[in-house]
Amino acid sequence: MGARRPQSRLETGVEGLALGASASLPILQVDHVKDLAKGGPDAPWNMIALCPNCHALKT
C-alpha cells in the first residue's frame, strides 16, 4: 500500500504540496489523537505531527 495523499490544506500547509516537500525539510504527517473513525473531532487540538515511521506504527 502506497503513502496516503494529503486530503486537505491543513495536512499539506499549501494546496498541492506535501509538508516537507523540500529535500532540506523533514516530512511530517498530521495524525488525529482520537481517530476520526472512532468519533474523534477534526480539530487542531486533536492533531499531532508525526514522522512517517511513527505515524505508520500508530496507525
PDB file of N, CA and C in Angstrom:
ATOM      1  N   MET A   1       0.845  -1.166   0.000  1.00  0.00           N
ATOM      2  CA  MET A   1       0.000   0.000   0.000  1.00  0.00           C
ATOM      3  C   MET A   1       0.895   1.237   0.000  1.00  0.00           C
ATOM      4  N   GLY A   2       0.638   2.181  -0.887  1.00  0.00           N
ATOM      5  CA  GLY A   2       1.447   3.384  -1.001  1.00  0.00           C
ATOM      6  C   GLY A   2       1.103   4.414   0.058  1.00  0.00           C
ATOM      7  N   ALA A   3       1.873   5.475   0.064  1.00  0.00           N
ATOM      8  CA  ALA A   3       1.631   6.556   1.020  1.00  0.00           C
ATOM      9  C   ALA A   3       0.304   7.237   0.698  1.00  0.00           C
ATOM     10  N   ARG A   4      -0.381   7.625   1.758  1.00  0.00           N
ATOM     11  CA  ARG A   4      -1.665   8.298   1.592  1.00  0.00           C
ATOM     12  C   ARG A   4      -1.421   9.727   1.130  1.00  0.00           C
ATOM     13  N   ARG A   5      -2.184  10.164   0.133  1.00  0.00           N
ATOM     14  CA  ARG A   5      -2.080  11.533  -0.371  1.00  0.00           C
ATOM     15  C   ARG A   5      -2.831  12.462   0.574  1.00  0.00           C
ATOM     16  N   PRO A   6      -2.211  13.573   1.010  1.00  0.00           N
ATOM     17  CA  PRO A   6      -2.908  14.510   1.883  1.00  0.00           C
ATOM     18  C   PRO A   6      -4.209  14.993   1.260  1.00  0.00           C
ATOM     19  N   GLN A   7      -5.250  15.086   2.076  1.00  0.00           N
ATOM     20  CA  GLN A   7      -6.572  15.416   1.570  1.00  0.00           C
ATOM     21  C   GLN A   7      -7.006  16.855   1.826  1.00  0.00           C
ATOM     22  N   SER A   8      -6.315  17.569   2.680  1.00  0.00           N
ATOM     23  CA  SER A   8      -6.774  18.918   2.988  1.00  0.00           C
ATOM     24  C   SER A   8      -5.602  19.879   3.088  1.00  0.00           C
ATOM     25  N   ARG A   9      -5.915  21.175   3.046  1.00  0.00           N
ATOM     26  CA  ARG A   9      -4.885  22.203   3.195  1.00  0.00           C
ATOM     27  C   ARG A   9      -4.235  22.104   4.568  1.00  0.00           C
ATOM     28  N   LEU A  10      -4.998  21.664   5.586  1.00  0.00           N
ATOM     29  CA  LEU A  10      -4.439  21.528   6.925  1.00  0.00           C
ATOM     30  C   LEU A  10      -3.313  20.503   6.922  1.00  0.00           C
ATOM     31  N   GLU A  11      -3.488  19.425   6.174  1.00  0.00           N
ATOM     32  CA  GLU A  11      -2.463  18.386   6.114  1.00  0.00           C
ATOM     33  C   GLU A  11      -1.271  18.797   5.256  1.00  0.00           C
ATOM     34  N   THR A  12      -1.495  19.614   4.252  1.00  0.00           N
ATOM     35  CA  THR A  12      -0.419  19.952   3.337  1.00  0.00           C
ATOM     36  C   THR A  12       0.229  21.288   3.655  1.00  0.00           C
ATOM     37  N   GLY A  13      -0.495  22.186   4.298  1.00  0.00           N
ATOM     38  CA  GLY A  13       0.025  23.524   4.560  1.00  0.00           C
ATOM     39  C   GLY A  13      -0.173  24.426   3.363  1.00  0.00           C
ATOM     40  N   VAL A  14       0.061  23.936   2.173  1.00  0.00           N
ATOM     41  CA  VAL A  14      -0.135  24.677   0.935  1.00  0.00           C
ATOM     42  C   VAL A  14      -0.820  23.736  -0.038  1.00  0.00           C
ATOM     43  N   GLU A  15      -1.840  24.223  -0.708  1.00  0.00           N
ATOM     44  CA  GLU A  15      -2.586  23.384  -1.651  1.00  0.00           C
ATOM     45  C   GLU A  15      -1.643  22.668  -2.609  1.00  0.00           C
ATOM     46  N   GLY A  16      -1.702  21.333  -2.610  1.00  0.00           N
ATOM     47  CA  GLY A  16      -0.972  20.542  -3.580  1.00  0.00           C
ATOM     48  C   GLY A  16       0.468  20.190  -3.210  1.00  0.00           C
ATOM     49  N   LEU A  17       0.983  20.724  -2.116  1.00  0.00           N
ATOM     50  CA  LEU A  17       2.353  20.404  -1.712  1.00  0.00           C
ATOM     51  C   LEU A  17       2.333  19.688  -0.370  1.00  0.00           C
ATOM     52  N   ALA A  18       3.007  18.579  -0.293  1.00  0.00           N
ATOM     53  CA  ALA A  18       3.083  17.842   0.975  1.00  0.00           C
ATOM     54  C   ALA A  18       4.011  18.578   1.922  1.00  0.00           C
ATOM     55  N   LEU A  19       3.737  18.476   3.225  1.00  0.00           N
ATOM     56  CA  LEU A  19       4.643  19.060   4.207  1.00  0.00           C
ATOM     57  C   LEU A  19       6.023  18.453   4.018  1.00  0.00           C
ATOM     58  N   GLY A  20       7.037  19.269   4.056  1.00  0.00           N
ATOM     59  CA  GLY A  20       8.397  18.779   3.896  1.00  0.00           C
ATOM     60  C   GLY A  20       8.752  18.469   2.459  1.00  0.00           C
ATOM     61  N   ALA A  21       8.075  19.108   1.500  1.00  0.00           N
ATOM     62  CA  ALA A  21       8.327  18.826   0.090  1.00  0.00           C
ATOM     63  C   ALA A  21       9.758  19.159  -0.306  1.00  0.00           C
ATOM     64  N   SER A  22      10.371  20.103   0.375  1.00  0.00           N
ATOM     65  CA  SER A  22      11.758  20.449   0.106  1.00  0.00           C
ATOM     66  C   SER A  22      12.671  19.359   0.667  1.00  0.00           C
ATOM     67  N   ALA A  23      13.725  19.036  -0.054  1.00  0.00           N
ATOM     68  CA  ALA A  23      14.653  17.992   0.390  1.00  0.00           C
ATOM     69  C   ALA A  23      15.351  18.367   1.692  1.00  0.00           C
ATOM     70  N   SER A  24      15.387  19.658   2.029  1.00  0.00           N
ATOM     71  CA  SER A  24      16.094  20.076   3.240  1.00  0.00           C
ATOM     72  C   SER A  24      15.191  20.126   4.469  1.00  0.00           C
ATOM     73  N   LEU A  25      13.902  19.888   4.316  1.00  0.00           N
ATOM     74  CA  LEU A  25      12.968  19.940   5.430  1.00  0.00           C
ATOM     75  C   LEU A  25      12.467  18.547   5.793  1.00  0.00           C
ATOM     76  N   PRO A  26      12.165  18.306   7.067  1.00  0.00           N
ATOM     77  CA  PRO A  26      11.621  16.996   7.449  1.00  0.00           C
ATOM     78  C   PRO A  26      10.203  16.817   6.927  1.00  0.00           C
ATOM     79  N   ILE A  27       9.829  15.587   6.686  1.00  0.00           N
ATOM     80  CA  ILE A  27       8.464  15.272   6.250  1.00  0.00           C
ATOM     81  C   ILE A  27       7.661  14.921   7.487  1.00  0.00           C
ATOM     82  N   LEU A  28       6.545  15.594   7.683  1.00  0.00           N
ATOM     83  CA  LEU A  28       5.658  15.323   8.802  1.00  0.00           C
ATOM     84  C   LEU A  28       4.260  15.015   8.291  1.00  0.00           C
ATOM     85  N   GLN A  29       3.565  14.178   9.018  1.00  0.00           N
ATOM     86  CA  GLN A  29       2.187  13.840   8.683  1.00  0.00           C
ATOM     87  C   GLN A  29       1.301  14.203   9.859  1.00  0.00           C
ATOM     88  N   VAL A  30       0.090  14.654   9.558  1.00  0.00           N
ATOM     89  CA  VAL A  30      -0.863  15.000  10.608  1.00  0.00           C
ATOM     90  C   VAL A  30      -1.626  13.749  11.018  1.00  0.00           C
ATOM     91  N   ASP A  31      -1.703  13.505  12.318  1.00  0.00           N
ATOM     92  CA  ASP A  31      -2.423  12.363  12.846  1.00  0.00           C
ATOM     93  C   ASP A  31      -3.448  12.854  13.857  1.00  0.00           C
ATOM     94  N   HIS A  32      -4.614  12.249  13.852  1.00  0.00           N
ATOM     95  CA  HIS A  32      -5.637  12.571  14.842  1.00  0.00           C
ATOM     96  C   HIS A  32      -5.384  11.731  16.091  1.00  0.00           C
ATOM     97  N   VAL A  33      -5.277  12.381  17.249  1.00  0.00           N
ATOM     98  CA  VAL A  33      -5.025  11.683  18.504  1.00  0.00           C
ATOM     99  C   VAL A  33      -6.143  10.683  18.761  1.00  0.00           C
ATOM    100  N   LYS A  34      -7.391  11.144  18.702  1.00  0.00           N
ATOM    101  CA  LYS A  34      -8.554  10.243  18.742  1.00  0.00           C
ATOM    102  C   LYS A  34      -9.045  10.126  17.303  1.00  0.00           C
ATOM    103  N   ASP A  35      -8.978   8.927  16.749  1.00  0.00           N
ATOM    104  CA  ASP A  35      -9.313   8.699  15.343  1.00  0.00           C
ATOM    105  C   ASP A  35     -10.673   9.257  14.956  1.00  0.00           C
ATOM    106  N   LEU A  36     -10.722   9.842  13.756  1.00  0.00           N
ATOM    107  CA  LEU A  36     -11.994  10.341  13.226  1.00  0.00           C
ATOM    108  C   LEU A  36     -13.009   9.215  13.121  1.00  0.00           C
ATOM    109  N   ALA A  37     -12.552   8.036  12.727  1.00  0.00           N
ATOM    110  CA  ALA A  37     -13.449   6.883  12.553  1.00  0.00           C
ATOM    111  C   ALA A  37     -14.056   6.424  13.883  1.00  0.00           C
ATOM    112  N   LYS A  38     -13.421   6.813  14.982  1.00  0.00           N
ATOM    113  CA  LYS A  38     -13.925   6.436  16.302  1.00  0.00           C
ATOM    114  C   LYS A  38     -14.600   7.609  17.004  1.00  0.00           C
ATOM    115  N   GLY A  39     -14.995   8.613  16.212  1.00  0.00           N
ATOM    116  CA  GLY A  39     -15.724   9.744  16.758  1.00  0.00           C
ATOM    117  C   GLY A  39     -14.874  10.920  17.190  1.00  0.00           C
ATOM    118  N   GLY A  40     -13.586  10.873  16.896  1.00  0.00           N
ATOM    119  CA  GLY A  40     -12.717  11.987  17.258  1.00  0.00           C
ATOM    120  C   GLY A  40     -13.009  13.210  16.409  1.00  0.00           C
ATOM    121  N   PRO A  41     -12.818  14.394  16.969  1.00  0.00           N
ATOM    122  CA  PRO A  41     -13.085  15.629  16.228  1.00  0.00           C
ATOM    123  C   PRO A  41     -11.964  15.963  15.245  1.00  0.00           C
ATOM    124  N   ASP A  42     -12.336  16.648  14.181  1.00  0.00           N
ATOM    125  CA  ASP A  42     -11.368  17.123  13.197  1.00  0.00           C
ATOM    126  C   ASP A  42     -10.992  18.555  13.592  1.00  0.00           C
ATOM    127  N   ALA A  43     -10.323  18.671  14.731  1.00  0.00           N
ATOM    128  CA  ALA A  43      -9.967  19.970  15.301  1.00  0.00           C
ATOM    129  C   ALA A  43      -8.467  20.001  15.580  1.00  0.00           C
ATOM    130  N   PRO A  44      -7.857  21.181  15.488  1.00  0.00           N
ATOM    131  CA  PRO A  44      -6.410  21.278  15.703  1.00  0.00           C
ATOM    132  C   PRO A  44      -5.928  20.688  17.029  1.00  0.00           C
ATOM    133  N   TRP A  45      -6.695  20.832  18.099  1.00  0.00           N
ATOM    134  CA  TRP A  45      -6.266  20.310  19.396  1.00  0.00           C
ATOM    135  C   TRP A  45      -6.281  18.776  19.444  1.00  0.00           C
ATOM    136  N   ASN A  46      -6.858  18.120  18.429  1.00  0.00           N
ATOM    137  CA  ASN A  46      -6.887  16.657  18.347  1.00  0.00           C
ATOM    138  C   ASN A  46      -5.864  16.143  17.326  1.00  0.00           C
ATOM    139  N   MET A  47      -4.933  16.999  16.904  1.00  0.00           N
ATOM    140  CA  MET A  47      -3.967  16.625  15.874  1.00  0.00           C
ATOM    141  C   MET A  47      -2.545  16.758  16.378  1.00  0.00           C
ATOM    142  N   ILE A  48      -1.700  15.845  15.913  1.00  0.00           N
ATOM    143  CA  ILE A  48      -0.275  15.907  16.202  1.00  0.00           C
ATOM    144  C   ILE A  48       0.493  15.663  14.909  1.00  0.00           C
ATOM    145  N   ALA A  49       1.702  16.177  14.839  1.00  0.00           N
ATOM    146  CA  ALA A  49       2.567  15.955  13.682  1.00  0.00           C
ATOM    147  C   ALA A  49       3.509  14.806  14.001  1.00  0.00           C
ATOM    148  N   LEU A  50       3.543  13.823  13.107  1.00  0.00           N
ATOM    149  CA  LEU A  50       4.398  12.643  13.295  1.00  0.00           C
ATOM    150  C   LEU A  50       5.252  12.424  12.053  1.00  0.00           C
ATOM    151  N   CYS A  51       6.428  11.848  12.249  1.00  0.00           N
ATOM    152  CA  CYS A  51       7.211  11.419  11.093  1.00  0.00           C
ATOM    153  C   CYS A  51       6.480  10.215  10.481  1.00  0.00           C
ATOM    154  N   PRO A  52       6.697   9.931   9.212  1.00  0.00           N
ATOM    155  CA  PRO A  52       6.004   8.819   8.570  1.00  0.00           C
ATOM    156  C   PRO A  52       6.165   7.475   9.292  1.00  0.00           C
ATOM    157  N   ASN A  53       7.363   7.190   9.844  1.00  0.00           N
ATOM    158  CA  ASN A  53       7.562   5.918  10.545  1.00  0.00           C
ATOM    159  C   ASN A  53       6.701   5.820  11.796  1.00  0.00           C
ATOM    160  N   CYS A  54       6.682   6.889  12.594  1.00  0.00           N
ATOM    161  CA  CYS A  54       5.868   6.882  13.818  1.00  0.00           C
ATOM    162  C   CYS A  54       4.391   6.836  13.486  1.00  0.00           C
ATOM    163  N   HIS A  55       3.993   7.526  12.423  1.00  0.00           N
ATOM    164  CA  HIS A  55       2.591   7.519  12.013  1.00  0.00           C
ATOM    165  C   HIS A  55       2.169   6.118  11.588  1.00  0.00           C
ATOM    166  N   ALA A  56       3.035   5.424  10.874  1.00  0.00           N
ATOM    167  CA  ALA A  56       2.723   4.053  10.454  1.00  0.00           C
ATOM    168  C   ALA A  56       2.588   3.120  11.659  1.00  0.00           C
ATOM    169  N   LEU A  57       3.431   3.325  12.665  1.00  0.00           N
ATOM    170  CA  LEU A  57       3.335   2.493  13.871  1.00  0.00           C
ATOM    171  C   LEU A  57       2.050   2.761  14.641  1.00  0.00           C
ATOM    172  N   LYS A  58       1.622   4.012  14.691  1.00  0.00           N
ATOM    173  CA  LYS A  58       0.426   4.378  15.426  1.00  0.00           C
ATOM    174  C   LYS A  58      -0.832   3.920  14.684  1.00  0.00           C
ATOM    175  N   THR A  59      -0.809   3.975  13.381  1.00  0.00           N
ATOM    176  CA  THR A  59      -1.967   3.649  12.571  1.00  0.00           C
ATOM    177  C   THR A  59      -2.070   2.190  12.419  1.00  0.00           C
TER     178      THR A  59
END
